[in-house]
Amino acid sequence: MAFGIGAHSSGADAGSVRGTQKRIGCQCWFTSTGRIMPLMLKIQDENGEIQTIREITVHSQEKKRYAGVPAMEYDCTLVLHGQSIRVWLIYYQAENRWVINFR
């Protein structure tokens, strides 16, 4: 193609992740179509204790690239100690790693 149009169609880059980010453990269900559904996550609190969160509502999911690194971003509401918290769960496919990003 002329002038390289369509030569690099890797998609737009979302830049870098903003906000407070923490590594988490996440249990997932992979559907037959390859969709990833977070079921449960574990996060270390300020006291060093591991908290388990099973109440996860996924509002949307979107493929993103942060500084060129492919990721799947989930807009979610979690329930922890009776409180609803709006967060982003981000799965970095290349590193096979989950993080939580508080809004």
PDB file of N, CA and C in Angstrom:
ATOM      1  N   MET A   1       0.828  -1.177   0.000  1.00  0.00           N
ATOM      2  CA  MET A   1       0.000   0.000   0.000  1.00  0.00           C
ATOM      3  C   MET A   1       0.874   1.243   0.000  1.00  0.00           C
ATOM      4  N   ALA A   2       0.352   2.279  -0.601  1.00  0.00           N
ATOM      5  CA  ALA A   2       1.109   3.518  -0.710  1.00  0.00           C
ATOM      6  C   ALA A   2       1.248   4.203   0.643  1.00  0.00           C
ATOM      7  N   PHE A   3       2.414   4.755   0.872  1.00  0.00           N
ATOM      8  CA  PHE A   3       2.725   5.533   2.063  1.00  0.00           C
ATOM      9  C   PHE A   3       2.537   4.763   3.360  1.00  0.00           C
ATOM     10  N   GLY A   4       2.536   3.456   3.328  1.00  0.00           N
ATOM     11  CA  GLY A   4       2.479   2.653   4.543  1.00  0.00           C
ATOM     12  C   GLY A   4       1.109   2.602   5.204  1.00  0.00           C
ATOM     13  N   ILE A   5       0.083   3.033   4.529  1.00  0.00           N
ATOM     14  CA  ILE A   5      -1.252   2.999   5.128  1.00  0.00           C
ATOM     15  C   ILE A   5      -1.664   1.549   5.337  1.00  0.00           C
ATOM     16  N   GLY A   6      -2.027   1.214   6.556  1.00  0.00           N
ATOM     17  CA  GLY A   6      -2.451  -0.141   6.873  1.00  0.00           C
ATOM     18  C   GLY A   6      -1.306  -1.098   7.161  1.00  0.00           C
ATOM     19  N   ALA A   7      -0.077  -0.613   7.057  1.00  0.00           N
ATOM     20  CA  ALA A   7       1.077  -1.490   7.267  1.00  0.00           C
ATOM     21  C   ALA A   7       1.235  -1.878   8.740  1.00  0.00           C
ATOM     22  N   HIS A   8       0.906  -0.969   9.637  1.00  0.00           N
ATOM     23  CA  HIS A   8       1.038  -1.214  11.074  1.00  0.00           C
ATOM     24  C   HIS A   8      -0.320  -0.985  11.727  1.00  0.00           C
ATOM     25  N   SER A   9      -1.130  -1.998  11.765  1.00  0.00           N
ATOM     26  CA  SER A   9      -2.480  -1.846  12.318  1.00  0.00           C
ATOM     27  C   SER A   9      -2.574  -2.502  13.696  1.00  0.00           C
ATOM     28  N   SER A  10      -1.631  -2.182  14.577  1.00  0.00           N
ATOM     29  CA  SER A  10      -1.618  -2.784  15.907  1.00  0.00           C
ATOM     30  C   SER A  10      -2.606  -2.126  16.857  1.00  0.00           C
ATOM     31  N   GLY A  11      -3.219  -1.022  16.467  1.00  0.00           N
ATOM     32  CA  GLY A  11      -4.206  -0.360  17.307  1.00  0.00           C
ATOM     33  C   GLY A  11      -3.597   0.781  18.089  1.00  0.00           C
ATOM     34  N   ALA A  12      -4.476   1.633  18.578  1.00  0.00           N
ATOM     35  CA  ALA A  12      -4.034   2.800  19.336  1.00  0.00           C
ATOM     36  C   ALA A  12      -3.481   2.388  20.690  1.00  0.00           C
ATOM     37  N   ASP A  13      -2.564   3.191  21.181  1.00  0.00           N
ATOM     38  CA  ASP A  13      -1.965   2.940  22.483  1.00  0.00           C
ATOM     39  C   ASP A  13      -2.689   3.795  23.514  1.00  0.00           C
ATOM     40  N   ALA A  14      -3.039   3.190  24.659  1.00  0.00           N
ATOM     41  CA  ALA A  14      -3.768   3.900  25.707  1.00  0.00           C
ATOM     42  C   ALA A  14      -2.853   4.689  26.626  1.00  0.00           C
ATOM     43  N   GLY A  15      -1.566   4.725  26.339  1.00  0.00           N
ATOM     44  CA  GLY A  15      -0.623   5.457  27.185  1.00  0.00           C
ATOM     45  C   GLY A  15      -0.224   4.642  28.392  1.00  0.00           C
ATOM     46  N   SER A  16      -0.231   5.266  29.558  1.00  0.00           N
ATOM     47  CA  SER A  16       0.117   4.546  30.771  1.00  0.00           C
ATOM     48  C   SER A  16      -1.091   4.521  31.707  1.00  0.00           C
ATOM     49  N   VAL A  17      -1.084   3.572  32.632  1.00  0.00           N
ATOM     50  CA  VAL A  17      -2.180   3.423  33.586  1.00  0.00           C
ATOM     51  C   VAL A  17      -2.047   4.492  34.657  1.00  0.00           C
ATOM     52  N   ARG A  18      -3.143   5.152  34.974  1.00  0.00           N
ATOM     53  CA  ARG A  18      -3.149   6.184  36.011  1.00  0.00           C
ATOM     54  C   ARG A  18      -3.799   5.624  37.271  1.00  0.00           C
ATOM     55  N   GLY A  19      -3.463   6.209  38.419  1.00  0.00           N
ATOM     56  CA  GLY A  19      -4.074   5.798  39.675  1.00  0.00           C
ATOM     57  C   GLY A  19      -3.178   4.868  40.476  1.00  0.00           C
ATOM     58  N   THR A  20      -3.719   4.375  41.585  1.00  0.00           N
ATOM     59  CA  THR A  20      -3.002   3.466  42.468  1.00  0.00           C
ATOM     60  C   THR A  20      -3.178   2.046  41.975  1.00  0.00           C
ATOM     61  N   GLN A  21      -2.068   1.363  41.753  1.00  0.00           N
ATOM     62  CA  GLN A  21      -2.097   0.010  41.195  1.00  0.00           C
ATOM     63  C   GLN A  21      -1.457  -0.973  42.163  1.00  0.00           C
ATOM     64  N   LYS A  22      -2.105  -2.136  42.350  1.00  0.00           N
ATOM     65  CA  LYS A  22      -1.556  -3.190  43.201  1.00  0.00           C
ATOM     66  C   LYS A  22      -1.670  -4.519  42.477  1.00  0.00           C
ATOM     67  N   ARG A  23      -0.672  -5.364  42.671  1.00  0.00           N
ATOM     68  CA  ARG A  23      -0.725  -6.722  42.120  1.00  0.00           C
ATOM     69  C   ARG A  23      -1.748  -7.537  42.897  1.00  0.00           C
ATOM     70  N   ILE A  24      -2.460  -8.403  42.184  1.00  0.00           N
ATOM     71  CA  ILE A  24      -3.459  -9.257  42.810  1.00  0.00           C
ATOM     72  C   ILE A  24      -3.367 -10.665  42.240  1.00  0.00           C
ATOM     73  N   GLY A  25      -3.993 -11.596  42.940  1.00  0.00           N
ATOM     74  CA  GLY A  25      -4.222 -12.927  42.408  1.00  0.00           C
ATOM     75  C   GLY A  25      -5.663 -12.978  41.942  1.00  0.00           C
ATOM     76  N   CYS A  26      -5.919 -13.570  40.787  1.00  0.00           N
ATOM     77  CA  CYS A  26      -7.274 -13.575  40.242  1.00  0.00           C
ATOM     78  C   CYS A  26      -7.613 -14.961  39.710  1.00  0.00           C
ATOM     79  N   GLN A  27      -8.759 -15.481  40.150  1.00  0.00           N
ATOM     80  CA  GLN A  27      -9.278 -16.743  39.614  1.00  0.00           C
ATOM     81  C   GLN A  27     -10.210 -16.388  38.466  1.00  0.00           C
ATOM     82  N   CYS A  28     -10.038 -17.043  37.330  1.00  0.00           N
ATOM     83  CA  CYS A  28     -10.808 -16.709  36.131  1.00  0.00           C
ATOM     84  C   CYS A  28     -11.469 -17.930  35.529  1.00  0.00           C
ATOM     85  N   TRP A  29     -12.466 -17.641  34.742  1.00  0.00           N
ATOM     86  CA  TRP A  29     -13.109 -18.655  33.907  1.00  0.00           C
ATOM     87  C   TRP A  29     -12.875 -18.226  32.473  1.00  0.00           C
ATOM     88  N   PHE A  30     -12.333 -19.141  31.669  1.00  0.00           N
ATOM     89  CA  PHE A  30     -12.112 -18.886  30.256  1.00  0.00           C
ATOM     90  C   PHE A  30     -13.238 -19.575  29.489  1.00  0.00           C
ATOM     91  N   THR A  31     -14.035 -18.793  28.769  1.00  0.00           N
ATOM     92  CA  THR A  31     -15.163 -19.355  28.039  1.00  0.00           C
ATOM     93  C   THR A  31     -14.676 -20.107  26.803  1.00  0.00           C
ATOM     94  N   SER A  32     -15.583 -20.823  26.165  1.00  0.00           N
ATOM     95  CA  SER A  32     -15.231 -21.579  24.953  1.00  0.00           C
ATOM     96  C   SER A  32     -14.861 -20.651  23.797  1.00  0.00           C
ATOM     97  N   THR A  33     -15.262 -19.395  23.881  1.00  0.00           N
ATOM     98  CA  THR A  33     -14.920 -18.429  22.836  1.00  0.00           C
ATOM     99  C   THR A  33     -13.650 -17.651  23.146  1.00  0.00           C
ATOM    100  N   GLY A  34     -13.002 -17.958  24.289  1.00  0.00           N
ATOM    101  CA  GLY A  34     -11.754 -17.301  24.648  1.00  0.00           C
ATOM    102  C   GLY A  34     -11.924 -16.070  25.515  1.00  0.00           C
ATOM    103  N   ARG A  35     -13.138 -15.761  25.925  1.00  0.00           N
ATOM    104  CA  ARG A  35     -13.388 -14.612  26.796  1.00  0.00           C
ATOM    105  C   ARG A  35     -12.938 -14.943  28.213  1.00  0.00           C
ATOM    106  N   ILE A  36     -12.336 -13.975  28.906  1.00  0.00           N
ATOM    107  CA  ILE A  36     -11.840 -14.154  30.268  1.00  0.00           C
ATOM    108  C   ILE A  36     -12.819 -13.491  31.225  1.00  0.00           C
ATOM    109  N   MET A  37     -13.290 -14.251  32.222  1.00  0.00           N
ATOM    110  CA  MET A  37     -14.246 -13.735  33.202  1.00  0.00           C
ATOM    111  C   MET A  37     -13.633 -13.839  34.603  1.00  0.00           C
ATOM    112  N   PRO A  38     -13.319 -12.713  35.260  1.00  0.00           N
ATOM    113  CA  PRO A  38     -12.806 -12.766  36.638  1.00  0.00           C
ATOM    114  C   PRO A  38     -13.894 -13.269  37.595  1.00  0.00           C
ATOM    115  N   LEU A  39     -13.563 -14.258  38.420  1.00  0.00           N
ATOM    116  CA  LEU A  39     -14.515 -14.837  39.365  1.00  0.00           C
ATOM    117  C   LEU A  39     -14.231 -14.437  40.811  1.00  0.00           C
ATOM    118  N   MET A  40     -12.953 -14.378  41.167  1.00  0.00           N
ATOM    119  CA  MET A  40     -12.552 -14.124  42.547  1.00  0.00           C
ATOM    120  C   MET A  40     -11.150 -13.536  42.522  1.00  0.00           C
ATOM    121  N   LEU A  41     -10.860 -12.652  43.479  1.00  0.00           N
ATOM    122  CA  LEU A  41      -9.493 -12.132  43.548  1.00  0.00           C
ATOM    123  C   LEU A  41      -9.029 -12.066  44.991  1.00  0.00           C
ATOM    124  N   LYS A  42      -7.727 -12.049  45.149  1.00  0.00           N
ATOM    125  CA  LYS A  42      -7.091 -11.933  46.467  1.00  0.00           C
ATOM    126  C   LYS A  42      -6.127 -10.763  46.404  1.00  0.00           C
ATOM    127  N   ILE A  43      -6.203  -9.950  47.479  1.00  0.00           N
ATOM    128  CA  ILE A  43      -5.382  -8.753  47.547  1.00  0.00           C
ATOM    129  C   ILE A  43      -4.855  -8.608  48.970  1.00  0.00           C
ATOM    130  N   GLN A  44      -3.635  -8.115  49.094  1.00  0.00           N
ATOM    131  CA  GLN A  44      -3.035  -7.910  50.411  1.00  0.00           C
ATOM    132  C   GLN A  44      -3.415  -6.517  50.907  1.00  0.00           C
ATOM    133  N   ASP A  45      -3.970  -6.439  52.133  1.00  0.00           N
ATOM    134  CA  ASP A  45      -4.378  -5.145  52.683  1.00  0.00           C
ATOM    135  C   ASP A  45      -3.207  -4.444  53.368  1.00  0.00           C
ATOM    136  N   GLU A  46      -3.496  -3.280  53.971  1.00  0.00           N
ATOM    137  CA  GLU A  46      -2.455  -2.462  54.610  1.00  0.00           C
ATOM    138  C   GLU A  46      -1.782  -3.173  55.777  1.00  0.00           C
ATOM    139  N   ASN A  47      -2.496  -4.129  56.406  1.00  0.00           N
ATOM    140  CA  ASN A  47      -1.944  -4.875  57.545  1.00  0.00           C
ATOM    141  C   ASN A  47      -1.189  -6.129  57.121  1.00  0.00           C
ATOM    142  N   GLY A  48      -1.076  -6.364  55.834  1.00  0.00           N
ATOM    143  CA  GLY A  48      -0.372  -7.540  55.333  1.00  0.00           C
ATOM    144  C   GLY A  48      -1.250  -8.776  55.248  1.00  0.00           C
ATOM    145  N   GLU A  49      -2.545  -8.646  55.568  1.00  0.00           N
ATOM    146  CA  GLU A  49      -3.460  -9.782  55.504  1.00  0.00           C
ATOM    147  C   GLU A  49      -4.028  -9.916  54.090  1.00  0.00           C
ATOM    148  N   ILE A  50      -4.259 -11.160  53.682  1.00  0.00           N
ATOM    149  CA  ILE A  50      -4.826 -11.435  52.367  1.00  0.00           C
ATOM    150  C   ILE A  50      -6.351 -11.385  52.456  1.00  0.00           C
ATOM    151  N   GLN A  51      -6.959 -10.523  51.654  1.00  0.00           N
ATOM    152  CA  GLN A  51      -8.409 -10.401  51.591  1.00  0.00           C
ATOM    153  C   GLN A  51      -8.911 -11.104  50.332  1.00  0.00           C
ATOM    154  N   THR A  52      -9.986 -11.869  50.469  1.00  0.00           N
ATOM    155  CA  THR A  52     -10.602 -12.554  49.336  1.00  0.00           C
ATOM    156  C   THR A  52     -11.871 -11.814  48.948  1.00  0.00           C
ATOM    157  N   ILE A  53     -12.012 -11.513  47.664  1.00  0.00           N
ATOM    158  CA  ILE A  53     -13.193 -10.820  47.152  1.00  0.00           C
ATOM    159  C   ILE A  53     -13.858 -11.714  46.114  1.00  0.00           C
ATOM    160  N   ARG A  54     -15.108 -12.093  46.397  1.00  0.00           N
ATOM    161  CA  ARG A  54     -15.858 -12.962  45.493  1.00  0.00           C
ATOM    162  C   ARG A  54     -16.986 -12.221  44.769  1.00  0.00           C
ATOM    163  N   GLU A  55     -17.406 -11.087  45.312  1.00  0.00           N
ATOM    164  CA  GLU A  55     -18.488 -10.326  44.693  1.00  0.00           C
ATOM    165  C   GLU A  55     -17.891  -9.344  43.690  1.00  0.00           C
ATOM    166  N   ILE A  56     -17.902  -9.744  42.423  1.00  0.00           N
ATOM    167  CA  ILE A  56     -17.339  -8.940  41.339  1.00  0.00           C
ATOM    168  C   ILE A  56     -18.416  -8.751  40.276  1.00  0.00           C
ATOM    169  N   THR A  57     -18.712  -7.511  39.966  1.00  0.00           N
ATOM    170  CA  THR A  57     -19.624  -7.198  38.866  1.00  0.00           C
ATOM    171  C   THR A  57     -18.812  -6.526  37.775  1.00  0.00           C
ATOM    172  N   VAL A  58     -18.747  -7.159  36.606  1.00  0.00           N
ATOM    173  CA  VAL A  58     -18.011  -6.592  35.477  1.00  0.00           C
ATOM    174  C   VAL A  58     -18.992  -5.772  34.640  1.00  0.00           C
ATOM    175  N   HIS A  59     -18.708  -4.477  34.498  1.00  0.00           N
ATOM    176  CA  HIS A  59     -19.565  -3.585  33.720  1.00  0.00           C
ATOM    177  C   HIS A  59     -19.171  -3.593  32.247  1.00  0.00           C
ATOM    178  N   SER A  60     -17.872  -3.659  31.990  1.00  0.00           N
ATOM    179  CA  SER A  60     -17.389  -3.698  30.606  1.00  0.00           C
ATOM    180  C   SER A  60     -15.966  -4.230  30.590  1.00  0.00           C
ATOM    181  N   GLN A  61     -15.538  -4.648  29.408  1.00  0.00           N
ATOM    182  CA  GLN A  61     -14.147  -5.057  29.222  1.00  0.00           C
ATOM    183  C   GLN A  61     -13.683  -4.544  27.881  1.00  0.00           C
ATOM    184  N   GLU A  62     -12.384  -4.237  27.812  1.00  0.00           N
ATOM    185  CA  GLU A  62     -11.840  -3.639  26.598  1.00  0.00           C
ATOM    186  C   GLU A  62     -10.374  -4.019  26.437  1.00  0.00           C
ATOM    187  N   LYS A  63      -9.995  -4.345  25.210  1.00  0.00           N
ATOM    188  CA  LYS A  63      -8.581  -4.593  24.919  1.00  0.00           C
ATOM    189  C   LYS A  63      -7.873  -3.253  24.834  1.00  0.00           C
ATOM    190  N   LYS A  64      -6.721  -3.155  25.492  1.00  0.00           N
ATOM    191  CA  LYS A  64      -5.937  -1.921  25.506  1.00  0.00           C
ATOM    192  C   LYS A  64      -4.472  -2.247  25.284  1.00  0.00           C
ATOM    193  N   ARG A  65      -3.689  -1.203  25.037  1.00  0.00           N
ATOM    194  CA  ARG A  65      -2.234  -1.296  24.966  1.00  0.00           C
ATOM    195  C   ARG A  65      -1.688  -0.167  25.823  1.00  0.00           C
ATOM    196  N   TYR A  66      -0.968  -0.513  26.878  1.00  0.00           N
ATOM    197  CA  TYR A  66      -0.347   0.479  27.751  1.00  0.00           C
ATOM    198  C   TYR A  66       1.140   0.491  27.461  1.00  0.00           C
ATOM    199  N   ALA A  67       1.612   1.606  26.911  1.00  0.00           N
ATOM    200  CA  ALA A  67       3.012   1.739  26.499  1.00  0.00           C
ATOM    201  C   ALA A  67       3.418   0.573  25.603  1.00  0.00           C
ATOM    202  N   GLY A  68       2.501   0.165  24.728  1.00  0.00           N
ATOM    203  CA  GLY A  68       2.757  -0.906  23.772  1.00  0.00           C
ATOM    204  C   GLY A  68       2.520  -2.310  24.303  1.00  0.00           C
ATOM    205  N   VAL A  69       2.208  -2.450  25.592  1.00  0.00           N
ATOM    206  CA  VAL A  69       1.997  -3.767  26.197  1.00  0.00           C
ATOM    207  C   VAL A  69       0.511  -4.114  26.117  1.00  0.00           C
ATOM    208  N   PRO A  70       0.158  -5.246  25.469  1.00  0.00           N
ATOM    209  CA  PRO A  70      -1.253  -5.612  25.363  1.00  0.00           C
ATOM    210  C   PRO A  70      -1.849  -5.980  26.718  1.00  0.00           C
ATOM    211  N   ALA A  71      -3.084  -5.522  26.935  1.00  0.00           N
ATOM    212  CA  ALA A  71      -3.760  -5.777  28.203  1.00  0.00           C
ATOM    213  C   ALA A  71      -5.266  -5.879  27.958  1.00  0.00           C
ATOM    214  N   MET A  72      -5.951  -6.503  28.894  1.00  0.00           N
ATOM    215  CA  MET A  72      -7.404  -6.533  28.906  1.00  0.00           C
ATOM    216  C   MET A  72      -7.835  -5.776  30.150  1.00  0.00           C
ATOM    217  N   GLU A  73      -8.660  -4.756  29.984  1.00  0.00           N
ATOM    218  CA  GLU A  73      -9.083  -3.919  31.100  1.00  0.00           C
ATOM    219  C   GLU A  73     -10.560  -4.166  31.396  1.00  0.00           C
ATOM    220  N   TYR A  74     -10.861  -4.392  32.679  1.00  0.00           N
ATOM    221  CA  TYR A  74     -12.219  -4.662  33.132  1.00  0.00           C
ATOM    222  C   TYR A  74     -12.669  -3.535  34.052  1.00  0.00           C
ATOM    223  N   ASP A  75     -13.781  -2.899  33.726  1.00  0.00           N
ATOM    224  CA  ASP A  75     -14.404  -1.897  34.583  1.00  0.00           C
ATOM    225  C   ASP A  75     -15.340  -2.660  35.505  1.00  0.00           C
ATOM    226  N   CYS A  76     -15.064  -2.652  36.821  1.00  0.00           N
ATOM    227  CA  CYS A  76     -15.777  -3.516  37.768  1.00  0.00           C
ATOM    228  C   CYS A  76     -16.220  -2.772  39.017  1.00  0.00           C
ATOM    229  N   THR A  77     -17.179  -3.381  39.702  1.00  0.00           N
ATOM    230  CA  THR A  77     -17.539  -3.004  41.060  1.00  0.00           C
ATOM    231  C   THR A  77     -17.287  -4.218  41.938  1.00  0.00           C
ATOM    232  N   LEU A  78     -16.529  -4.024  43.022  1.00  0.00           N
ATOM    233  CA  LEU A  78     -16.234  -5.085  43.977  1.00  0.00           C
ATOM    234  C   LEU A  78     -16.944  -4.766  45.287  1.00  0.00           C
ATOM    235  N   VAL A  79     -17.295  -5.804  46.036  1.00  0.00           N
ATOM    236  CA  VAL A  79     -17.866  -5.609  47.369  1.00  0.00           C
ATOM    237  C   VAL A  79     -16.875  -6.168  48.376  1.00  0.00           C
ATOM    238  N   LEU A  80     -16.362  -5.274  49.255  1.00  0.00           N
ATOM    239  CA  LEU A  80     -15.399  -5.646  50.284  1.00  0.00           C
ATOM    240  C   LEU A  80     -15.878  -5.092  51.612  1.00  0.00           C
ATOM    241  N   HIS A  81     -16.104  -5.967  52.578  1.00  0.00           N
ATOM    242  CA  HIS A  81     -16.604  -5.587  53.905  1.00  0.00           C
ATOM    243  C   HIS A  81     -17.904  -4.781  53.806  1.00  0.00           C
ATOM    244  N   GLY A  82     -18.768  -5.191  52.882  1.00  0.00           N
ATOM    245  CA  GLY A  82     -20.065  -4.543  52.729  1.00  0.00           C
ATOM    246  C   GLY A  82     -20.060  -3.244  51.948  1.00  0.00           C
ATOM    247  N   GLN A  83     -18.914  -2.808  51.468  1.00  0.00           N
ATOM    248  CA  GLN A  83     -18.816  -1.563  50.709  1.00  0.00           C
ATOM    249  C   GLN A  83     -18.551  -1.850  49.243  1.00  0.00           C
ATOM    250  N   SER A  84     -19.242  -1.142  48.358  1.00  0.00           N
ATOM    251  CA  SER A  84     -19.006  -1.249  46.918  1.00  0.00           C
ATOM    252  C   SER A  84     -17.867  -0.324  46.523  1.00  0.00           C
ATOM    253  N   ILE A  85     -16.934  -0.853  45.738  1.00  0.00           N
ATOM    254  CA  ILE A  85     -15.761  -0.098  45.292  1.00  0.00           C
ATOM    255  C   ILE A  85     -15.661  -0.236  43.782  1.00  0.00           C
ATOM    256  N   ARG A  86     -15.567   0.869  43.066  1.00  0.00           N
ATOM    257  CA  ARG A  86     -15.413   0.846  41.606  1.00  0.00           C
ATOM    258  C   ARG A  86     -13.926   0.806  41.293  1.00  0.00           C
ATOM    259  N   VAL A  87     -13.501  -0.173  40.491  1.00  0.00           N
ATOM    260  CA  VAL A  87     -12.084  -0.376  40.169  1.00  0.00           C
ATOM    261  C   VAL A  87     -11.941  -0.794  38.712  1.00  0.00           C
ATOM    262  N   TRP A  88     -10.700  -0.795  38.254  1.00  0.00           N
ATOM    263  CA  TRP A  88     -10.332  -1.439  37.008  1.00  0.00           C
ATOM    264  C   TRP A  88      -9.477  -2.647  37.356  1.00  0.00           C
ATOM    265  N   LEU A  89      -9.800  -3.792  36.805  1.00  0.00           N
ATOM    266  CA  LEU A  89      -8.925  -4.961  36.858  1.00  0.00           C
ATOM    267  C   LEU A  89      -8.232  -5.019  35.512  1.00  0.00           C
ATOM    268  N   ILE A  90      -6.921  -5.170  35.533  1.00  0.00           N
ATOM    269  CA  ILE A  90      -6.150  -5.178  34.294  1.00  0.00           C
ATOM    270  C   ILE A  90      -5.337  -6.460  34.223  1.00  0.00           C
ATOM    271  N   TYR A  91      -5.479  -7.171  33.100  1.00  0.00           N
ATOM    272  CA  TYR A  91      -4.740  -8.398  32.869  1.00  0.00           C
ATOM    273  C   TYR A  91      -3.726  -8.158  31.761  1.00  0.00           C
ATOM    274  N   TYR A  92      -2.437  -8.281  32.100  1.00  0.00           N
ATOM    275  CA  TYR A  92      -1.351  -8.147  31.129  1.00  0.00           C
ATOM    276  C   TYR A  92      -1.051  -9.536  30.570  1.00  0.00           C
ATOM    277  N   GLN A  93      -1.481  -9.779  29.331  1.00  0.00           N
ATOM    278  CA  GLN A  93      -1.375 -11.112  28.745  1.00  0.00           C
ATOM    279  C   GLN A  93       0.059 -11.592  28.592  1.00  0.00           C
ATOM    280  N   ALA A  94       0.947 -10.736  28.145  1.00  0.00           N
ATOM    281  CA  ALA A  94       2.335 -11.147  27.893  1.00  0.00           C
ATOM    282  C   ALA A  94       3.036 -11.574  29.181  1.00  0.00           C
ATOM    283  N   GLU A  95       2.667 -10.942  30.299  1.00  0.00           N
ATOM    284  CA  GLU A  95       3.299 -11.240  31.584  1.00  0.00           C
ATOM    285  C   GLU A  95       2.456 -12.197  32.424  1.00  0.00           C
ATOM    286  N   ASN A  96       1.236 -12.496  31.952  1.00  0.00           N
ATOM    287  CA  ASN A  96       0.301 -13.353  32.686  1.00  0.00           C
ATOM    288  C   ASN A  96       0.138 -12.848  34.121  1.00  0.00           C
ATOM    289  N   ARG A  97      -0.191 -11.545  34.237  1.00  0.00           N
ATOM    290  CA  ARG A  97      -0.217 -10.867  35.538  1.00  0.00           C
ATOM    291  C   ARG A  97      -1.452  -9.981  35.639  1.00  0.00           C
ATOM    292  N   TRP A  98      -2.066  -9.988  36.830  1.00  0.00           N
ATOM    293  CA  TRP A  98      -3.238  -9.163  37.122  1.00  0.00           C
ATOM    294  C   TRP A  98      -2.865  -8.035  38.071  1.00  0.00           C
ATOM    295  N   VAL A  99      -3.476  -6.868  37.867  1.00  0.00           N
ATOM    296  CA  VAL A  99      -3.365  -5.747  38.800  1.00  0.00           C
ATOM    297  C   VAL A  99      -4.745  -5.158  39.014  1.00  0.00           C
ATOM    298  N   ILE A 100      -4.912  -4.465  40.125  1.00  0.00           N
ATOM    299  CA  ILE A 100      -6.122  -3.723  40.396  1.00  0.00           C
ATOM    300  C   ILE A 100      -5.750  -2.252  40.410  1.00  0.00           C
ATOM    301  N   ASN A 101      -6.576  -1.426  39.801  1.00  0.00           N
ATOM    302  CA  ASN A 101      -6.336   0.008  39.735  1.00  0.00           C
ATOM    303  C   ASN A 101      -7.534   0.696  40.374  1.00  0.00           C
ATOM    304  N   PHE A 102      -7.296   1.362  41.512  1.00  0.00           N
ATOM    305  CA  PHE A 102      -8.367   2.063  42.220  1.00  0.00           C
ATOM    306  C   PHE A 102      -8.604   3.406  41.562  1.00  0.00           C
ATOM    307  N   ARG A 103      -9.838   3.806  41.489  1.00  0.00           N
ATOM    308  CA  ARG A 103     -10.208   5.075  40.847  1.00  0.00           C
ATOM    309  C   ARG A 103     -10.085   6.215  41.803  1.00  0.00           C
TER     310      ARG A 103
END
